[in-house]
Amino acid sequence: MFDLSLTATILLGAVVGIPLVGLLVFMAGALCNVEKLSFLRSLAVGAASSVLMAPVVLVTLNSLGMSDWDSVSRDVPTWLRFAAIFLPIDLVVLVGLLRTPVADVSVPRGVLVWIVQLPLYLLFAALTAGGWLVWRGAEQLTRDEWSKDQLIQGSKIFGGVIAAILVLVFGISMLRRFGRAR
């Protein structure tokens, strides 16, 4: 799909991936009521987790015969073997990092954070895939002039509905703040 060099892939992973891991650790910690795990601490835990897990991912993919992006198998049993190797190591690394003085989380709570983090990754992956599919659909629609006009009109209507909702929400909250709507 994308033809990125190794340097660009590593740079993209550092710029986007590490903050994303930190954000997901923070969200999982908030859902698990981990009070001491602030956003900056979760970014530190996420960065350390990414740095520690990157060699594990590379070694695991190489051992399964997926050494480069062109040979990445779409075989479900191969990905299940990868998950069977990767997930327990990820559990130990994340719980170990959460036990450090940076986060100071108990082991059971750390395991709970890891468990809650998994569906958050799935939700983010689904959101990314949905955005990509919407982009591909809009790209397909813009090839025909009539479809392009319909897409623009629909976007204006959708934008108007979103603007009306925002005006209503912020307007009501402002009125309540200043005591006029009671």
N, C-alpha and C. Protein backbone atom coordinates (compact mmCIF):
# COMPACT_ATOMS: atom_id res chain seq x y z
N MET A 1 0.83 -1.17 0.00
CA MET A 1 0.00 0.00 0.00
C MET A 1 0.88 1.25 0.00
N PHE A 2 1.76 1.39 0.98
CA PHE A 2 2.67 2.51 1.04
C PHE A 2 4.07 1.98 0.82
N ASP A 3 4.86 2.72 0.09
CA ASP A 3 6.23 2.31 -0.18
C ASP A 3 7.17 3.25 0.56
N LEU A 4 7.35 3.01 1.85
CA LEU A 4 8.20 3.85 2.67
C LEU A 4 9.54 3.17 2.89
N SER A 5 10.58 3.99 2.97
CA SER A 5 11.88 3.44 3.28
C SER A 5 11.93 3.07 4.76
N LEU A 6 12.98 2.36 5.14
CA LEU A 6 13.12 1.95 6.53
C LEU A 6 13.28 3.16 7.44
N THR A 7 14.02 4.16 6.99
CA THR A 7 14.22 5.37 7.80
C THR A 7 12.89 6.10 8.01
N ALA A 8 12.09 6.22 6.95
CA ALA A 8 10.80 6.89 7.07
C ALA A 8 9.86 6.10 7.97
N THR A 9 9.92 4.78 7.90
CA THR A 9 9.08 3.95 8.76
C THR A 9 9.47 4.12 10.23
N ILE A 10 10.76 4.14 10.52
CA ILE A 10 11.22 4.32 11.89
C ILE A 10 10.86 5.71 12.39
N LEU A 11 11.02 6.73 11.54
CA LEU A 11 10.67 8.10 11.93
C LEU A 11 9.17 8.23 12.18
N LEU A 12 8.37 7.63 11.32
CA LEU A 12 6.92 7.67 11.51
C LEU A 12 6.53 6.93 12.79
N GLY A 13 7.17 5.81 13.05
CA GLY A 13 6.89 5.07 14.28
C GLY A 13 7.27 5.86 15.52
N ALA A 14 8.36 6.63 15.45
CA ALA A 14 8.78 7.42 16.61
C ALA A 14 7.88 8.62 16.82
N VAL A 15 7.47 9.27 15.73
CA VAL A 15 6.67 10.49 15.85
C VAL A 15 5.21 10.19 16.18
N VAL A 16 4.67 9.13 15.59
CA VAL A 16 3.25 8.82 15.78
C VAL A 16 3.06 7.66 16.76
N GLY A 17 3.87 6.63 16.64
CA GLY A 17 3.66 5.41 17.42
C GLY A 17 3.90 5.56 18.90
N ILE A 18 4.98 6.23 19.28
CA ILE A 18 5.30 6.35 20.70
C ILE A 18 4.26 7.18 21.45
N PRO A 19 3.85 8.36 20.93
CA PRO A 19 2.77 9.07 21.62
C PRO A 19 1.45 8.30 21.64
N LEU A 20 1.20 7.52 20.59
CA LEU A 20 -0.02 6.72 20.56
C LEU A 20 0.00 5.65 21.65
N VAL A 21 1.13 4.98 21.82
CA VAL A 21 1.24 3.98 22.88
C VAL A 21 1.08 4.64 24.24
N GLY A 22 1.70 5.81 24.42
CA GLY A 22 1.54 6.54 25.67
C GLY A 22 0.10 6.94 25.93
N LEU A 23 -0.59 7.39 24.89
CA LEU A 23 -1.99 7.77 25.03
C LEU A 23 -2.86 6.58 25.39
N LEU A 24 -2.60 5.43 24.77
CA LEU A 24 -3.39 4.24 25.08
C LEU A 24 -3.10 3.72 26.49
N VAL A 25 -1.84 3.83 26.93
CA VAL A 25 -1.52 3.45 28.32
C VAL A 25 -2.23 4.40 29.28
N PHE A 26 -2.25 5.70 28.94
CA PHE A 26 -2.94 6.67 29.80
C PHE A 26 -4.44 6.38 29.86
N MET A 27 -5.04 6.10 28.71
CA MET A 27 -6.48 5.81 28.68
C MET A 27 -6.80 4.54 29.47
N ALA A 28 -5.98 3.51 29.30
CA ALA A 28 -6.20 2.27 30.04
C ALA A 28 -6.01 2.50 31.53
N GLY A 29 -5.00 3.28 31.89
CA GLY A 29 -4.78 3.60 33.30
C GLY A 29 -5.93 4.39 33.90
N ALA A 30 -6.48 5.31 33.12
CA ALA A 30 -7.62 6.08 33.61
C ALA A 30 -8.85 5.19 33.78
N LEU A 31 -9.05 4.27 32.86
CA LEU A 31 -10.18 3.34 32.98
C LEU A 31 -10.01 2.39 34.16
N CYS A 32 -8.75 2.10 34.53
CA CYS A 32 -8.48 1.19 35.64
C CYS A 32 -8.25 1.92 36.95
N ASN A 33 -8.48 3.23 36.96
CA ASN A 33 -8.39 4.04 38.18
C ASN A 33 -6.99 4.04 38.77
N VAL A 34 -5.98 4.19 37.89
CA VAL A 34 -4.60 4.31 38.33
C VAL A 34 -4.32 5.81 38.49
N GLU A 35 -4.36 6.29 39.72
CA GLU A 35 -4.30 7.72 39.98
C GLU A 35 -2.93 8.32 39.69
N LYS A 36 -1.87 7.58 39.94
CA LYS A 36 -0.52 8.13 39.83
C LYS A 36 -0.02 8.19 38.39
N LEU A 37 -0.73 7.56 37.46
CA LEU A 37 -0.28 7.49 36.07
C LEU A 37 -0.79 8.71 35.31
N SER A 38 0.00 9.79 35.31
CA SER A 38 -0.37 10.99 34.56
C SER A 38 -0.05 10.78 33.08
N PHE A 39 -0.40 11.78 32.28
CA PHE A 39 -0.16 11.64 30.85
C PHE A 39 1.33 11.61 30.55
N LEU A 40 2.12 12.45 31.19
CA LEU A 40 3.56 12.45 30.94
C LEU A 40 4.21 11.15 31.40
N ARG A 41 3.75 10.62 32.52
CA ARG A 41 4.29 9.33 32.98
C ARG A 41 3.90 8.21 32.03
N SER A 42 2.69 8.26 31.51
CA SER A 42 2.27 7.23 30.56
C SER A 42 3.04 7.36 29.24
N LEU A 43 3.40 8.59 28.85
CA LEU A 43 4.25 8.76 27.67
C LEU A 43 5.63 8.14 27.89
N ALA A 44 6.17 8.30 29.10
CA ALA A 44 7.47 7.70 29.42
C ALA A 44 7.37 6.17 29.40
N VAL A 45 6.29 5.64 29.97
CA VAL A 45 6.09 4.19 29.96
C VAL A 45 5.88 3.70 28.53
N GLY A 46 5.11 4.44 27.74
CA GLY A 46 4.88 4.06 26.35
C GLY A 46 6.15 4.10 25.52
N ALA A 47 6.99 5.12 25.73
CA ALA A 47 8.25 5.21 25.00
C ALA A 47 9.18 4.05 25.37
N ALA A 48 9.28 3.77 26.66
CA ALA A 48 10.13 2.65 27.10
C ALA A 48 9.59 1.32 26.57
N SER A 49 8.27 1.17 26.58
CA SER A 49 7.67 -0.06 26.06
C SER A 49 7.95 -0.21 24.57
N SER A 50 7.83 0.87 23.83
CA SER A 50 8.09 0.81 22.39
C SER A 50 9.54 0.46 22.10
N VAL A 51 10.45 1.06 22.85
CA VAL A 51 11.88 0.79 22.64
C VAL A 51 12.21 -0.66 23.00
N LEU A 52 11.61 -1.17 24.07
CA LEU A 52 11.89 -2.55 24.48
C LEU A 52 11.21 -3.58 23.58
N MET A 53 10.04 -3.25 23.04
CA MET A 53 9.29 -4.22 22.25
C MET A 53 9.67 -4.23 20.77
N ALA A 54 10.31 -3.18 20.27
CA ALA A 54 10.70 -3.14 18.85
C ALA A 54 11.61 -4.30 18.46
N PRO A 55 12.67 -4.60 19.23
CA PRO A 55 13.48 -5.77 18.86
C PRO A 55 12.71 -7.08 18.97
N VAL A 56 11.80 -7.17 19.93
CA VAL A 56 11.00 -8.39 20.07
C VAL A 56 10.15 -8.60 18.81
N VAL A 57 9.55 -7.52 18.31
CA VAL A 57 8.73 -7.62 17.10
C VAL A 57 9.59 -8.04 15.92
N LEU A 58 10.76 -7.42 15.76
CA LEU A 58 11.62 -7.76 14.62
C LEU A 58 12.11 -9.19 14.69
N VAL A 59 12.54 -9.63 15.86
CA VAL A 59 13.03 -11.01 15.99
C VAL A 59 11.89 -12.01 15.78
N THR A 60 10.72 -11.70 16.32
CA THR A 60 9.58 -12.61 16.16
C THR A 60 9.16 -12.70 14.71
N LEU A 61 9.07 -11.56 14.02
CA LEU A 61 8.70 -11.59 12.61
C LEU A 61 9.74 -12.33 11.77
N ASN A 62 11.02 -12.12 12.07
CA ASN A 62 12.07 -12.84 11.35
C ASN A 62 11.99 -14.34 11.60
N SER A 63 11.70 -14.73 12.83
CA SER A 63 11.64 -16.16 13.14
C SER A 63 10.44 -16.83 12.49
N LEU A 64 9.40 -16.05 12.21
CA LEU A 64 8.22 -16.60 11.53
C LEU A 64 8.32 -16.51 10.01
N GLY A 65 9.45 -16.02 9.50
CA GLY A 65 9.64 -15.95 8.05
C GLY A 65 9.08 -14.70 7.42
N MET A 66 8.82 -13.69 8.21
CA MET A 66 8.31 -12.42 7.66
C MET A 66 9.37 -11.35 7.88
N SER A 67 10.49 -11.46 7.15
CA SER A 67 11.63 -10.60 7.42
C SER A 67 11.51 -9.21 6.82
N ASP A 68 10.75 -9.03 5.77
CA ASP A 68 10.56 -7.70 5.20
C ASP A 68 9.07 -7.47 4.92
N TRP A 69 8.74 -6.22 4.63
CA TRP A 69 7.33 -5.85 4.49
C TRP A 69 6.67 -6.54 3.30
N ASP A 70 7.47 -6.90 2.27
CA ASP A 70 6.89 -7.56 1.11
C ASP A 70 6.48 -8.99 1.41
N SER A 71 7.15 -9.62 2.38
CA SER A 71 6.82 -11.01 2.67
C SER A 71 5.88 -11.16 3.86
N VAL A 72 5.30 -10.04 4.30
CA VAL A 72 4.37 -10.14 5.43
C VAL A 72 3.18 -10.99 5.00
N SER A 73 3.01 -12.06 5.70
CA SER A 73 1.96 -13.02 5.34
C SER A 73 0.61 -12.54 5.82
N ARG A 74 -0.39 -12.79 5.04
CA ARG A 74 -1.75 -12.50 5.46
C ARG A 74 -2.41 -13.78 5.98
N ASP A 75 -1.57 -14.71 6.34
CA ASP A 75 -2.00 -15.99 6.84
C ASP A 75 -2.43 -15.87 8.30
N VAL A 76 -3.65 -16.25 8.62
CA VAL A 76 -4.15 -16.12 10.00
C VAL A 76 -3.33 -16.97 10.97
N PRO A 77 -2.97 -18.22 10.67
CA PRO A 77 -2.17 -18.99 11.64
C PRO A 77 -0.82 -18.35 11.95
N THR A 78 -0.21 -17.69 10.96
CA THR A 78 1.06 -17.02 11.21
C THR A 78 0.87 -15.86 12.18
N TRP A 79 -0.18 -15.08 12.00
CA TRP A 79 -0.44 -13.96 12.91
C TRP A 79 -0.85 -14.45 14.29
N LEU A 80 -1.51 -15.59 14.37
CA LEU A 80 -1.85 -16.15 15.68
C LEU A 80 -0.59 -16.61 16.41
N ARG A 81 0.37 -17.19 15.67
CA ARG A 81 1.64 -17.57 16.29
C ARG A 81 2.38 -16.32 16.77
N PHE A 82 2.35 -15.26 15.95
CA PHE A 82 2.99 -14.01 16.35
C PHE A 82 2.35 -13.47 17.63
N ALA A 83 1.02 -13.48 17.69
CA ALA A 83 0.32 -12.99 18.88
C ALA A 83 0.63 -13.86 20.10
N ALA A 84 0.75 -15.18 19.90
CA ALA A 84 1.04 -16.08 21.02
C ALA A 84 2.43 -15.82 21.58
N ILE A 85 3.35 -15.36 20.76
CA ILE A 85 4.70 -15.04 21.24
C ILE A 85 4.75 -13.62 21.80
N PHE A 86 4.13 -12.68 21.08
CA PHE A 86 4.26 -11.26 21.41
C PHE A 86 3.48 -10.84 22.65
N LEU A 87 2.25 -11.28 22.78
CA LEU A 87 1.38 -10.78 23.85
C LEU A 87 1.89 -11.10 25.26
N PRO A 88 2.35 -12.32 25.55
CA PRO A 88 2.89 -12.54 26.90
C PRO A 88 4.13 -11.70 27.21
N ILE A 89 4.98 -11.50 26.20
CA ILE A 89 6.16 -10.66 26.41
C ILE A 89 5.73 -9.21 26.66
N ASP A 90 4.74 -8.75 25.90
CA ASP A 90 4.23 -7.40 26.08
C ASP A 90 3.62 -7.23 27.47
N LEU A 91 2.93 -8.25 27.94
CA LEU A 91 2.34 -8.21 29.30
C LEU A 91 3.44 -8.05 30.34
N VAL A 92 4.49 -8.84 30.25
CA VAL A 92 5.57 -8.78 31.24
C VAL A 92 6.28 -7.42 31.17
N VAL A 93 6.53 -6.93 29.97
CA VAL A 93 7.23 -5.64 29.82
C VAL A 93 6.38 -4.50 30.37
N LEU A 94 5.10 -4.46 30.01
CA LEU A 94 4.25 -3.35 30.46
C LEU A 94 4.04 -3.38 31.98
N VAL A 95 3.78 -4.55 32.53
CA VAL A 95 3.59 -4.64 33.98
C VAL A 95 4.90 -4.30 34.69
N GLY A 96 6.02 -4.73 34.14
CA GLY A 96 7.32 -4.37 34.72
C GLY A 96 7.57 -2.87 34.68
N LEU A 97 7.22 -2.23 33.58
CA LEU A 97 7.39 -0.77 33.50
C LEU A 97 6.42 -0.03 34.41
N LEU A 98 5.24 -0.57 34.57
CA LEU A 98 4.27 0.07 35.47
C LEU A 98 4.66 -0.11 36.94
N ARG A 99 5.49 -1.11 37.25
CA ARG A 99 5.95 -1.32 38.63
C ARG A 99 7.09 -0.38 38.99
N THR A 100 7.72 0.27 38.02
CA THR A 100 8.84 1.17 38.31
C THR A 100 8.35 2.38 39.11
N PRO A 101 9.27 3.13 39.73
CA PRO A 101 8.84 4.30 40.49
C PRO A 101 8.15 5.39 39.65
N VAL A 102 8.28 5.31 38.33
CA VAL A 102 7.61 6.30 37.48
C VAL A 102 6.10 6.19 37.64
N ALA A 103 5.57 4.97 37.62
CA ALA A 103 4.12 4.78 37.71
C ALA A 103 3.69 4.20 39.05
N ASP A 104 4.49 3.31 39.63
CA ASP A 104 4.21 2.69 40.93
C ASP A 104 2.81 2.07 40.99
N VAL A 105 2.56 1.13 40.07
CA VAL A 105 1.28 0.44 39.99
C VAL A 105 1.48 -0.99 40.48
N SER A 106 0.50 -1.52 41.20
CA SER A 106 0.61 -2.90 41.67
C SER A 106 0.53 -3.87 40.49
N VAL A 107 0.99 -5.09 40.71
CA VAL A 107 1.00 -6.09 39.63
C VAL A 107 -0.42 -6.42 39.15
N PRO A 108 -1.40 -6.68 40.03
CA PRO A 108 -2.75 -6.96 39.52
C PRO A 108 -3.34 -5.78 38.75
N ARG A 109 -3.10 -4.57 39.23
CA ARG A 109 -3.61 -3.39 38.52
C ARG A 109 -2.88 -3.21 37.19
N GLY A 110 -1.60 -3.54 37.14
CA GLY A 110 -0.84 -3.49 35.89
C GLY A 110 -1.35 -4.48 34.87
N VAL A 111 -1.70 -5.69 35.33
CA VAL A 111 -2.28 -6.68 34.43
C VAL A 111 -3.64 -6.18 33.91
N LEU A 112 -4.41 -5.55 34.79
CA LEU A 112 -5.70 -5.00 34.37
C LEU A 112 -5.51 -3.88 33.34
N VAL A 113 -4.51 -3.03 33.53
CA VAL A 113 -4.21 -1.98 32.55
C VAL A 113 -3.87 -2.60 31.21
N TRP A 114 -3.06 -3.67 31.21
CA TRP A 114 -2.69 -4.34 29.97
C TRP A 114 -3.92 -4.94 29.29
N ILE A 115 -4.81 -5.56 30.06
CA ILE A 115 -6.02 -6.17 29.49
C ILE A 115 -6.93 -5.10 28.90
N VAL A 116 -7.08 -3.98 29.60
CA VAL A 116 -7.95 -2.91 29.10
C VAL A 116 -7.32 -2.23 27.89
N GLN A 117 -6.00 -2.25 27.81
CA GLN A 117 -5.31 -1.61 26.70
C GLN A 117 -5.55 -2.34 25.37
N LEU A 118 -5.73 -3.64 25.41
CA LEU A 118 -5.91 -4.42 24.17
C LEU A 118 -7.14 -3.99 23.37
N PRO A 119 -8.34 -3.87 23.98
CA PRO A 119 -9.48 -3.38 23.18
C PRO A 119 -9.30 -1.95 22.70
N LEU A 120 -8.53 -1.15 23.44
CA LEU A 120 -8.28 0.22 22.97
C LEU A 120 -7.44 0.20 21.69
N TYR A 121 -6.47 -0.71 21.60
CA TYR A 121 -5.72 -0.87 20.36
C TYR A 121 -6.64 -1.29 19.22
N LEU A 122 -7.55 -2.22 19.51
CA LEU A 122 -8.49 -2.66 18.47
C LEU A 122 -9.41 -1.53 18.02
N LEU A 123 -9.87 -0.72 18.96
CA LEU A 123 -10.71 0.41 18.60
C LEU A 123 -9.95 1.42 17.74
N PHE A 124 -8.70 1.68 18.09
CA PHE A 124 -7.91 2.60 17.28
C PHE A 124 -7.65 2.04 15.89
N ALA A 125 -7.38 0.73 15.81
CA ALA A 125 -7.16 0.11 14.51
C ALA A 125 -8.42 0.18 13.66
N ALA A 126 -9.59 -0.04 14.28
CA ALA A 126 -10.84 0.06 13.54
C ALA A 126 -11.10 1.50 13.08
N LEU A 127 -10.78 2.47 13.92
CA LEU A 127 -10.95 3.87 13.55
C LEU A 127 -10.02 4.24 12.39
N THR A 128 -8.79 3.76 12.43
CA THR A 128 -7.85 4.02 11.34
C THR A 128 -8.31 3.37 10.05
N ALA A 129 -8.75 2.12 10.12
CA ALA A 129 -9.23 1.43 8.93
C ALA A 129 -10.48 2.12 8.37
N GLY A 130 -11.38 2.55 9.25
CA GLY A 130 -12.57 3.27 8.79
C GLY A 130 -12.22 4.57 8.12
N GLY A 131 -11.28 5.31 8.68
CA GLY A 131 -10.84 6.56 8.05
C GLY A 131 -10.21 6.32 6.70
N TRP A 132 -9.42 5.27 6.60
CA TRP A 132 -8.80 4.94 5.31
C TRP A 132 -9.87 4.56 4.28
N LEU A 133 -10.87 3.80 4.70
CA LEU A 133 -11.93 3.41 3.77
C LEU A 133 -12.77 4.61 3.34
N VAL A 134 -13.03 5.54 4.25
CA VAL A 134 -13.76 6.76 3.88
C VAL A 134 -12.93 7.56 2.88
N TRP A 135 -11.63 7.66 3.12
CA TRP A 135 -10.75 8.36 2.19
C TRP A 135 -10.79 7.71 0.81
N ARG A 136 -10.71 6.39 0.77
CA ARG A 136 -10.76 5.68 -0.52
C ARG A 136 -12.11 5.90 -1.22
N GLY A 137 -13.19 5.92 -0.43
CA GLY A 137 -14.51 6.16 -1.01
C GLY A 137 -14.64 7.57 -1.57
N ALA A 138 -14.13 8.56 -0.83
CA ALA A 138 -14.17 9.94 -1.32
C ALA A 138 -13.30 10.10 -2.55
N GLU A 139 -12.18 9.40 -2.57
CA GLU A 139 -11.31 9.44 -3.74
C GLU A 139 -12.01 8.84 -4.96
N GLN A 140 -12.75 7.79 -4.74
CA GLN A 140 -13.50 7.15 -5.84
C GLN A 140 -14.63 8.06 -6.31
N LEU A 141 -15.30 8.72 -5.38
CA LEU A 141 -16.42 9.59 -5.75
C LEU A 141 -15.99 10.80 -6.56
N THR A 142 -14.79 11.30 -6.30
CA THR A 142 -14.36 12.52 -6.98
C THR A 142 -13.96 12.29 -8.43
N ARG A 143 -14.01 11.08 -8.90
CA ARG A 143 -13.66 10.81 -10.30
C ARG A 143 -14.79 11.18 -11.26
N ASP A 144 -16.01 11.18 -10.79
CA ASP A 144 -17.17 11.51 -11.61
C ASP A 144 -17.66 12.90 -11.20
N GLU A 145 -18.01 13.75 -12.16
CA GLU A 145 -18.41 15.13 -11.85
C GLU A 145 -19.69 15.19 -11.04
N TRP A 146 -20.70 14.39 -11.38
CA TRP A 146 -21.96 14.40 -10.64
C TRP A 146 -21.74 13.92 -9.20
N SER A 147 -20.97 12.85 -9.05
CA SER A 147 -20.68 12.33 -7.72
C SER A 147 -19.88 13.34 -6.90
N LYS A 148 -18.99 14.05 -7.57
CA LYS A 148 -18.20 15.07 -6.88
C LYS A 148 -19.11 16.18 -6.34
N ASP A 149 -20.07 16.62 -7.15
CA ASP A 149 -21.02 17.64 -6.70
C ASP A 149 -21.87 17.13 -5.54
N GLN A 150 -22.31 15.89 -5.61
CA GLN A 150 -23.10 15.31 -4.52
C GLN A 150 -22.29 15.21 -3.23
N LEU A 151 -21.01 14.85 -3.35
CA LEU A 151 -20.14 14.76 -2.19
C LEU A 151 -19.95 16.14 -1.55
N ILE A 152 -19.79 17.16 -2.38
CA ILE A 152 -19.62 18.52 -1.85
C ILE A 152 -20.90 18.98 -1.17
N GLN A 153 -22.06 18.73 -1.76
CA GLN A 153 -23.33 19.13 -1.14
C GLN A 153 -23.55 18.37 0.17
N GLY A 154 -23.28 17.09 0.18
CA GLY A 154 -23.42 16.29 1.39
C GLY A 154 -22.47 16.76 2.48
N SER A 155 -21.25 17.14 2.10
CA SER A 155 -20.28 17.65 3.08
C SER A 155 -20.75 18.96 3.68
N LYS A 156 -21.35 19.81 2.85
CA LYS A 156 -21.88 21.09 3.37
C LYS A 156 -23.02 20.84 4.35
N ILE A 157 -23.91 19.91 4.03
CA ILE A 157 -25.03 19.60 4.92
C ILE A 157 -24.50 19.01 6.23
N PHE A 158 -23.56 18.06 6.12
CA PHE A 158 -22.98 17.45 7.32
C PHE A 158 -22.26 18.49 8.17
N GLY A 159 -21.50 19.39 7.52
CA GLY A 159 -20.82 20.45 8.25
C GLY A 159 -21.80 21.39 8.93
N GLY A 160 -22.92 21.67 8.26
CA GLY A 160 -23.94 22.52 8.87
C GLY A 160 -24.56 21.88 10.10
N VAL A 161 -24.83 20.57 10.03
CA VAL A 161 -25.40 19.86 11.17
C VAL A 161 -24.41 19.86 12.34
N ILE A 162 -23.15 19.59 12.06
CA ILE A 162 -22.13 19.61 13.11
C ILE A 162 -22.00 21.01 13.71
N ALA A 163 -22.02 22.05 12.86
CA ALA A 163 -21.92 23.42 13.36
C ALA A 163 -23.13 23.76 14.24
N ALA A 164 -24.33 23.31 13.84
CA ALA A 164 -25.52 23.58 14.65
C ALA A 164 -25.43 22.88 16.01
N ILE A 165 -24.94 21.66 16.01
CA ILE A 165 -24.78 20.94 17.27
C ILE A 165 -23.78 21.66 18.18
N LEU A 166 -22.66 22.09 17.60
CA LEU A 166 -21.66 22.80 18.39
C LEU A 166 -22.20 24.12 18.94
N VAL A 167 -22.95 24.85 18.12
CA VAL A 167 -23.53 26.12 18.59
C VAL A 167 -24.51 25.85 19.72
N LEU A 168 -25.33 24.82 19.57
CA LEU A 168 -26.29 24.50 20.64
C LEU A 168 -25.58 24.09 21.93
N VAL A 169 -24.60 23.21 21.81
CA VAL A 169 -23.91 22.72 23.01
C VAL A 169 -23.17 23.85 23.70
N PHE A 170 -22.38 24.62 22.94
CA PHE A 170 -21.63 25.70 23.56
C PHE A 170 -22.54 26.84 23.99
N GLY A 171 -23.59 27.09 23.24
CA GLY A 171 -24.53 28.14 23.63
C GLY A 171 -25.23 27.82 24.93
N ILE A 172 -25.70 26.58 25.08
CA ILE A 172 -26.37 26.18 26.32
C ILE A 172 -25.39 26.18 27.48
N SER A 173 -24.16 25.72 27.25
CA SER A 173 -23.18 25.72 28.35
C SER A 173 -22.82 27.14 28.75
N MET A 174 -22.73 28.06 27.79
CA MET A 174 -22.45 29.46 28.14
C MET A 174 -23.61 30.08 28.90
N LEU A 175 -24.84 29.77 28.48
CA LEU A 175 -25.99 30.31 29.18
C LEU A 175 -26.05 29.78 30.61
N ARG A 176 -25.73 28.52 30.79
CA ARG A 176 -25.75 27.95 32.14
C ARG A 176 -24.63 28.55 32.98
N ARG A 177 -23.50 28.81 32.37
CA ARG A 177 -22.38 29.37 33.12
C ARG A 177 -22.73 30.76 33.67
N PHE A 178 -23.41 31.54 32.86
CA PHE A 178 -23.72 32.90 33.27
C PHE A 178 -25.08 33.02 33.95
N GLY A 179 -25.77 31.89 34.18
CA GLY A 179 -26.99 31.87 34.98
C GLY A 179 -28.24 32.32 34.27
N ARG A 180 -28.27 32.34 32.95
CA ARG A 180 -29.48 32.79 32.25
C ARG A 180 -30.43 31.66 31.92
N ALA A 181 -29.94 30.44 31.82
CA ALA A 181 -30.81 29.32 31.46
C ALA A 181 -30.89 28.38 32.67
N ARG A 182 -31.95 28.54 33.44
CA ARG A 182 -32.10 27.68 34.62
C ARG A 182 -33.46 27.09 34.65
